[in-house]
PDB file of N, CA and C in Angstrom:
ATOM      1  N   MET A   1       8.766  25.781 -85.803  1.00  0.00           N
ATOM      2  CA  MET A   1       9.679  25.134 -84.874  1.00  0.00           C
ATOM      3  C   MET A   1       9.724  23.647 -85.228  1.00  0.00           C
ATOM      4  N   SER A   2      10.902  23.100 -85.272  1.00  0.00           N
ATOM      5  CA  SER A   2      11.033  21.684 -85.616  1.00  0.00           C
ATOM      6  C   SER A   2      10.434  20.811 -84.518  1.00  0.00           C
ATOM      7  N   GLN A   3      10.113  19.596 -84.900  1.00  0.00           N
ATOM      8  CA  GLN A   3       9.503  18.664 -83.947  1.00  0.00           C
ATOM      9  C   GLN A   3      10.423  18.402 -82.759  1.00  0.00           C
ATOM     10  N   THR A   4      11.720  18.258 -83.012  1.00  0.00           N
ATOM     11  CA  THR A   4      12.677  17.996 -81.930  1.00  0.00           C
ATOM     12  C   THR A   4      12.727  19.169 -80.964  1.00  0.00           C
ATOM     13  N   LYS A   5      12.792  20.379 -81.496  1.00  0.00           N
ATOM     14  CA  LYS A   5      12.821  21.571 -80.629  1.00  0.00           C
ATOM     15  C   LYS A   5      11.533  21.669 -79.830  1.00  0.00           C
ATOM     16  N   ARG A   6      10.417  21.403 -80.478  1.00  0.00           N
ATOM     17  CA  ARG A   6       9.122  21.470 -79.793  1.00  0.00           C
ATOM     18  C   ARG A   6       9.087  20.472 -78.637  1.00  0.00           C
ATOM     19  N   GLU A   7       9.601  19.264 -78.853  1.00  0.00           N
ATOM     20  CA  GLU A   7       9.644  18.260 -77.794  1.00  0.00           C
ATOM     21  C   GLU A   7      10.564  18.687 -76.662  1.00  0.00           C
ATOM     22  N   GLN A   8      11.688  19.314 -76.989  1.00  0.00           N
ATOM     23  CA  GLN A   8      12.604  19.795 -75.956  1.00  0.00           C
ATOM     24  C   GLN A   8      11.959  20.895 -75.126  1.00  0.00           C
ATOM     25  N   VAL A   9      11.277  21.827 -75.796  1.00  0.00           N
ATOM     26  CA  VAL A   9      10.596  22.909 -75.079  1.00  0.00           C
ATOM     27  C   VAL A   9       9.510  22.333 -74.183  1.00  0.00           C
ATOM     28  N   ASN A  10       8.726  21.396 -74.706  1.00  0.00           N
ATOM     29  CA  ASN A  10       7.679  20.771 -73.893  1.00  0.00           C
ATOM     30  C   ASN A  10       8.264  20.059 -72.685  1.00  0.00           C
ATOM     31  N   SER A  11       9.374  19.379 -72.878  1.00  0.00           N
ATOM     32  CA  SER A  11      10.028  18.685 -71.775  1.00  0.00           C
ATOM     33  C   SER A  11      10.497  19.671 -70.706  1.00  0.00           C
ATOM     34  N   HIS A  12      11.124  20.758 -71.133  1.00  0.00           N
ATOM     35  CA  HIS A  12      11.572  21.786 -70.183  1.00  0.00           C
ATOM     36  C   HIS A  12      10.385  22.356 -69.420  1.00  0.00           C
ATOM     37  N   LEU A  13       9.314  22.666 -70.135  1.00  0.00           N
ATOM     38  CA  LEU A  13       8.145  23.250 -69.478  1.00  0.00           C
ATOM     39  C   LEU A  13       7.494  22.289 -68.489  1.00  0.00           C
ATOM     40  N   ARG A  14       7.414  21.011 -68.843  1.00  0.00           N
ATOM     41  CA  ARG A  14       6.855  20.023 -67.907  1.00  0.00           C
ATOM     42  C   ARG A  14       7.685  19.951 -66.631  1.00  0.00           C
ATOM     43  N   TYR A  15       8.996  19.907 -66.804  1.00  0.00           N
ATOM     44  CA  TYR A  15       9.891  19.840 -65.650  1.00  0.00           C
ATOM     45  C   TYR A  15       9.729  21.085 -64.777  1.00  0.00           C
ATOM     46  N   LEU A  16       9.722  22.251 -65.402  1.00  0.00           N
ATOM     47  CA  LEU A  16       9.600  23.494 -64.638  1.00  0.00           C
ATOM     48  C   LEU A  16       8.257  23.583 -63.918  1.00  0.00           C
ATOM     49  N   ARG A  17       7.187  23.181 -64.571  1.00  0.00           N
ATOM     50  CA  ARG A  17       5.875  23.188 -63.917  1.00  0.00           C
ATOM     51  C   ARG A  17       5.866  22.293 -62.686  1.00  0.00           C
ATOM     52  N   GLN A  18       6.450  21.116 -62.808  1.00  0.00           N
ATOM     53  CA  GLN A  18       6.489  20.188 -61.677  1.00  0.00           C
ATOM     54  C   GLN A  18       7.310  20.758 -60.525  1.00  0.00           C
ATOM     55  N   GLU A  19       8.466  21.298 -60.835  1.00  0.00           N
ATOM     56  CA  GLU A  19       9.316  21.870 -59.796  1.00  0.00           C
ATOM     57  C   GLU A  19       8.630  23.052 -59.107  1.00  0.00           C
ATOM     58  N   LEU A  20       8.007  23.912 -59.884  1.00  0.00           N
ATOM     59  CA  LEU A  20       7.321  25.066 -59.296  1.00  0.00           C
ATOM     60  C   LEU A  20       6.108  24.633 -58.477  1.00  0.00           C
ATOM     61  N   ARG A  21       5.410  23.596 -58.931  1.00  0.00           N
ATOM     62  CA  ARG A  21       4.285  23.060 -58.165  1.00  0.00           C
ATOM     63  C   ARG A  21       4.748  22.566 -56.803  1.00  0.00           C
ATOM     64  N   GLU A  22       5.868  21.826 -56.784  1.00  0.00           N
ATOM     65  CA  GLU A  22       6.399  21.316 -55.527  1.00  0.00           C
ATOM     66  C   GLU A  22       6.818  22.451 -54.599  1.00  0.00           C
ATOM     67  N   MET A  23       7.457  23.473 -55.143  1.00  0.00           N
ATOM     68  CA  MET A  23       7.840  24.630 -54.324  1.00  0.00           C
ATOM     69  C   MET A  23       6.614  25.309 -53.748  1.00  0.00           C
ATOM     70  N   HIS A  24       5.584  25.472 -54.574  1.00  0.00           N
ATOM     71  CA  HIS A  24       4.360  26.121 -54.124  1.00  0.00           C
ATOM     72  C   HIS A  24       3.722  25.342 -52.984  1.00  0.00           C
ATOM     73  N   LEU A  25       3.681  24.019 -53.102  1.00  0.00           N
ATOM     74  CA  LEU A  25       3.103  23.197 -52.036  1.00  0.00           C
ATOM     75  C   LEU A  25       3.892  23.327 -50.740  1.00  0.00           C
ATOM     76  N   CYS A  26       5.218  23.357 -50.838  1.00  0.00           N
ATOM     77  CA  CYS A  26       6.039  23.521 -49.628  1.00  0.00           C
ATOM     78  C   CYS A  26       5.756  24.858 -48.962  1.00  0.00           C
ATOM     79  N   ILE A  27       5.623  25.879 -49.764  1.00  0.00           N
ATOM     80  CA  ILE A  27       5.352  27.210 -49.210  1.00  0.00           C
ATOM     81  C   ILE A  27       3.954  27.246 -48.600  1.00  0.00           C
ATOM     82  N   LYS A  28       2.989  26.716 -49.318  1.00  0.00           N
ATOM     83  CA  LYS A  28       1.590  26.784 -48.888  1.00  0.00           C
ATOM     84  C   LYS A  28       1.320  25.900 -47.671  1.00  0.00           C
ATOM     85  N   GLU A  29       1.761  24.646 -47.708  1.00  0.00           N
ATOM     86  CA  GLU A  29       1.424  23.702 -46.650  1.00  0.00           C
ATOM     87  C   GLU A  29       2.345  23.789 -45.440  1.00  0.00           C
ATOM     88  N   ASP A  30       3.634  23.962 -45.679  1.00  0.00           N
ATOM     89  CA  ASP A  30       4.601  23.900 -44.592  1.00  0.00           C
ATOM     90  C   ASP A  30       5.176  25.254 -44.197  1.00  0.00           C
ATOM     91  N   ASN A  31       4.808  26.293 -44.920  1.00  0.00           N
ATOM     92  CA  ASN A  31       5.361  27.630 -44.699  1.00  0.00           C
ATOM     93  C   ASN A  31       6.892  27.625 -44.767  1.00  0.00           C
ATOM     94  N   LEU A  32       7.431  26.805 -45.644  1.00  0.00           N
ATOM     95  CA  LEU A  32       8.878  26.725 -45.832  1.00  0.00           C
ATOM     96  C   LEU A  32       9.268  27.394 -47.130  1.00  0.00           C
ATOM     97  N   SER A  33      10.274  28.222 -47.073  1.00  0.00           N
ATOM     98  CA  SER A  33      10.804  28.830 -48.289  1.00  0.00           C
ATOM     99  C   SER A  33      11.721  27.838 -48.982  1.00  0.00           C
ATOM    100  N   PRO A  34      11.775  27.883 -50.314  1.00  0.00           N
ATOM    101  CA  PRO A  34      12.672  26.973 -51.025  1.00  0.00           C
ATOM    102  C   PRO A  34      14.129  27.315 -50.739  1.00  0.00           C
ATOM    103  N   GLU A  35      14.985  26.324 -50.851  1.00  0.00           N
ATOM    104  CA  GLU A  35      16.424  26.533 -50.676  1.00  0.00           C
ATOM    105  C   GLU A  35      16.944  27.382 -51.830  1.00  0.00           C
ATOM    106  N   PRO A  36      17.948  28.208 -51.564  1.00  0.00           N
ATOM    107  CA  PRO A  36      18.516  29.027 -52.648  1.00  0.00           C
ATOM    108  C   PRO A  36      18.995  28.192 -53.840  1.00  0.00           C
ATOM    109  N   GLY A  37      19.531  27.016 -53.572  1.00  0.00           N
ATOM    110  CA  GLY A  37      19.983  26.143 -54.653  1.00  0.00           C
ATOM    111  C   GLY A  37      18.837  25.682 -55.546  1.00  0.00           C
ATOM    112  N   GLU A  38      17.670  25.451 -54.949  1.00  0.00           N
ATOM    113  CA  GLU A  38      16.498  25.057 -55.728  1.00  0.00           C
ATOM    114  C   GLU A  38      16.081  26.183 -56.665  1.00  0.00           C
ATOM    115  N   ILE A  39      16.101  27.388 -56.142  1.00  0.00           N
ATOM    116  CA  ILE A  39      15.718  28.546 -56.950  1.00  0.00           C
ATOM    117  C   ILE A  39      16.726  28.755 -58.076  1.00  0.00           C
ATOM    118  N   ARG A  40      18.010  28.621 -57.762  1.00  0.00           N
ATOM    119  CA  ARG A  40      19.027  28.757 -58.806  1.00  0.00           C
ATOM    120  C   ARG A  40      18.865  27.682 -59.885  1.00  0.00           C
ATOM    121  N   GLY A  41      18.497  26.481 -59.479  1.00  0.00           N
ATOM    122  CA  GLY A  41      18.280  25.404 -60.438  1.00  0.00           C
ATOM    123  C   GLY A  41      17.125  25.711 -61.379  1.00  0.00           C
ATOM    124  N   ILE A  42      16.040  26.227 -60.828  1.00  0.00           N
ATOM    125  CA  ILE A  42      14.892  26.601 -61.656  1.00  0.00           C
ATOM    126  C   ILE A  42      15.275  27.730 -62.604  1.00  0.00           C
ATOM    127  N   MET A  43      16.009  28.706 -62.095  1.00  0.00           N
ATOM    128  CA  MET A  43      16.441  29.818 -62.948  1.00  0.00           C
ATOM    129  C   MET A  43      17.334  29.316 -64.083  1.00  0.00           C
ATOM    130  N   ALA A  44      18.200  28.364 -63.790  1.00  0.00           N
ATOM    131  CA  ALA A  44      19.067  27.796 -64.829  1.00  0.00           C
ATOM    132  C   ALA A  44      18.232  27.083 -65.883  1.00  0.00           C
ATOM    133  N   GLN A  45      17.176  26.394 -65.453  1.00  0.00           N
ATOM    134  CA  GLN A  45      16.299  25.727 -66.414  1.00  0.00           C
ATOM    135  C   GLN A  45      15.569  26.738 -67.296  1.00  0.00           C
ATOM    136  N   PHE A  46      15.125  27.846 -66.700  1.00  0.00           N
ATOM    137  CA  PHE A  46      14.489  28.897 -67.489  1.00  0.00           C
ATOM    138  C   PHE A  46      15.476  29.493 -68.496  1.00  0.00           C
ATOM    139  N   GLU A  47      16.727  29.685 -68.083  1.00  0.00           N
ATOM    140  CA  GLU A  47      17.760  30.182 -68.996  1.00  0.00           C
ATOM    141  C   GLU A  47      17.971  29.216 -70.158  1.00  0.00           C
ATOM    142  N   ALA A  48      18.034  27.921 -69.862  1.00  0.00           N
ATOM    143  CA  ALA A  48      18.218  26.917 -70.907  1.00  0.00           C
ATOM    144  C   ALA A  48      17.037  26.931 -71.874  1.00  0.00           C
ATOM    145  N   LEU A  49      15.839  27.077 -71.341  1.00  0.00           N
ATOM    146  CA  LEU A  49      14.652  27.137 -72.181  1.00  0.00           C
ATOM    147  C   LEU A  49      14.685  28.380 -73.063  1.00  0.00           C
ATOM    148  N   LEU A  50      15.061  29.503 -72.482  1.00  0.00           N
ATOM    149  CA  LEU A  50      15.150  30.750 -73.238  1.00  0.00           C
ATOM    150  C   LEU A  50      16.172  30.635 -74.363  1.00  0.00           C
ATOM    151  N   GLU A  51      17.321  30.035 -74.083  1.00  0.00           N
ATOM    152  CA  GLU A  51      18.332  29.846 -75.114  1.00  0.00           C
ATOM    153  C   GLU A  51      17.816  28.944 -76.228  1.00  0.00           C
ATOM    154  N   LEU A  52      17.101  27.911 -75.868  1.00  0.00           N
ATOM    155  CA  LEU A  52      16.539  26.994 -76.853  1.00  0.00           C
ATOM    156  C   LEU A  52      15.553  27.725 -77.765  1.00  0.00           C
ATOM    157  N   VAL A  53      14.681  28.522 -77.162  1.00  0.00           N
ATOM    158  CA  VAL A  53      13.686  29.255 -77.939  1.00  0.00           C
ATOM    159  C   VAL A  53      14.348  30.376 -78.737  1.00  0.00           C
ATOM    160  N   ASP A  54      15.261  31.116 -78.135  1.00  0.00           N
ATOM    161  CA  ASP A  54      15.952  32.200 -78.840  1.00  0.00           C
ATOM    162  C   ASP A  54      16.767  31.672 -80.007  1.00  0.00           C
ATOM    163  N   GLY A  55      17.396  30.539 -79.835  1.00  0.00           N
ATOM    164  CA  GLY A  55      18.171  29.950 -80.918  1.00  0.00           C
ATOM    165  C   GLY A  55      17.288  29.656 -82.108  1.00  0.00           C
ATOM    166  N   ASN A  56      16.084  29.172 -81.862  1.00  0.00           N
ATOM    167  CA  ASN A  56      15.141  28.881 -82.925  1.00  0.00           C
ATOM    168  C   ASN A  56      14.632  30.171 -83.558  1.00  0.00           C
ATOM    169  N   THR A  57      14.390  31.207 -82.767  1.00  0.00           N
ATOM    170  CA  THR A  57      13.906  32.479 -83.278  1.00  0.00           C
ATOM    171  C   THR A  57      14.936  33.107 -84.198  1.00  0.00           C
ATOM    172  N   LYS A  58      16.220  33.037 -83.818  1.00  0.00           N
ATOM    173  CA  LYS A  58      17.272  33.610 -84.650  1.00  0.00           C
ATOM    174  C   LYS A  58      17.337  32.904 -85.999  1.00  0.00           C
ATOM    175  N   ILE A  59      17.152  31.602 -86.015  1.00  0.00           N
ATOM    176  CA  ILE A  59      17.166  30.848 -87.266  1.00  0.00           C
ATOM    177  C   ILE A  59      15.988  31.285 -88.138  1.00  0.00           C
ATOM    178  N   GLN A  60      14.807  31.449 -87.548  1.00  0.00           N
ATOM    179  CA  GLN A  60      13.648  31.881 -88.307  1.00  0.00           C
ATOM    180  C   GLN A  60      13.863  33.280 -88.855  1.00  0.00           C
ATOM    181  N   SER A  61      14.447  34.179 -88.084  1.00  0.00           N
ATOM    182  CA  SER A  61      14.682  35.546 -88.528  1.00  0.00           C
ATOM    183  C   SER A  61      15.623  35.570 -89.728  1.00  0.00           C
ATOM    184  N   ASN A  62      16.664  34.742 -89.691  1.00  0.00           N
ATOM    185  CA  ASN A  62      17.593  34.685 -90.810  1.00  0.00           C
ATOM    186  C   ASN A  62      16.929  34.131 -92.066  1.00  0.00           C
ATOM    187  N   SER A  63      16.081  33.131 -91.927  1.00  0.00           N
ATOM    188  CA  SER A  63      15.433  32.542 -93.090  1.00  0.00           C
ATOM    189  C   SER A  63      14.377  33.486 -93.660  1.00  0.00           C
ATOM    190  N   GLU A  64      13.731  34.291 -92.801  1.00  0.00           N
ATOM    191  CA  GLU A  64      12.748  35.251 -93.287  1.00  0.00           C
ATOM    192  C   GLU A  64      13.415  36.374 -94.059  1.00  0.00           C
ATOM    193  N   ALA A  65      14.652  36.741 -93.683  1.00  0.00           N
ATOM    194  CA  ALA A  65      15.356  37.822 -94.344  1.00  0.00           C
ATOM    195  C   ALA A  65      15.772  37.423 -95.758  1.00  0.00           C
ATOM    196  N   ALA A  66      15.907  36.131 -96.019  1.00  0.00           N
ATOM    197  CA  ALA A  66      16.369  35.659 -97.344  1.00  0.00           C
ATOM    198  C   ALA A  66      15.312  35.738 -98.402  1.00  0.00           C
TER     199      ALA A  66
END
């Protein structure tokens, strides 16, 4: 994985960890469920991360076939 892709993946993961930590604290301390929009936002971030990783995997698969 290129350095730029690795940094992007790390950035996505840091953001997702922070967001999930905050949601967990709200649930644990305040017994509040997250807003549907918050959950959709996290899901969109996971989708973006998956696309980033899948895009890199497809490139590796093509280069291995050569």
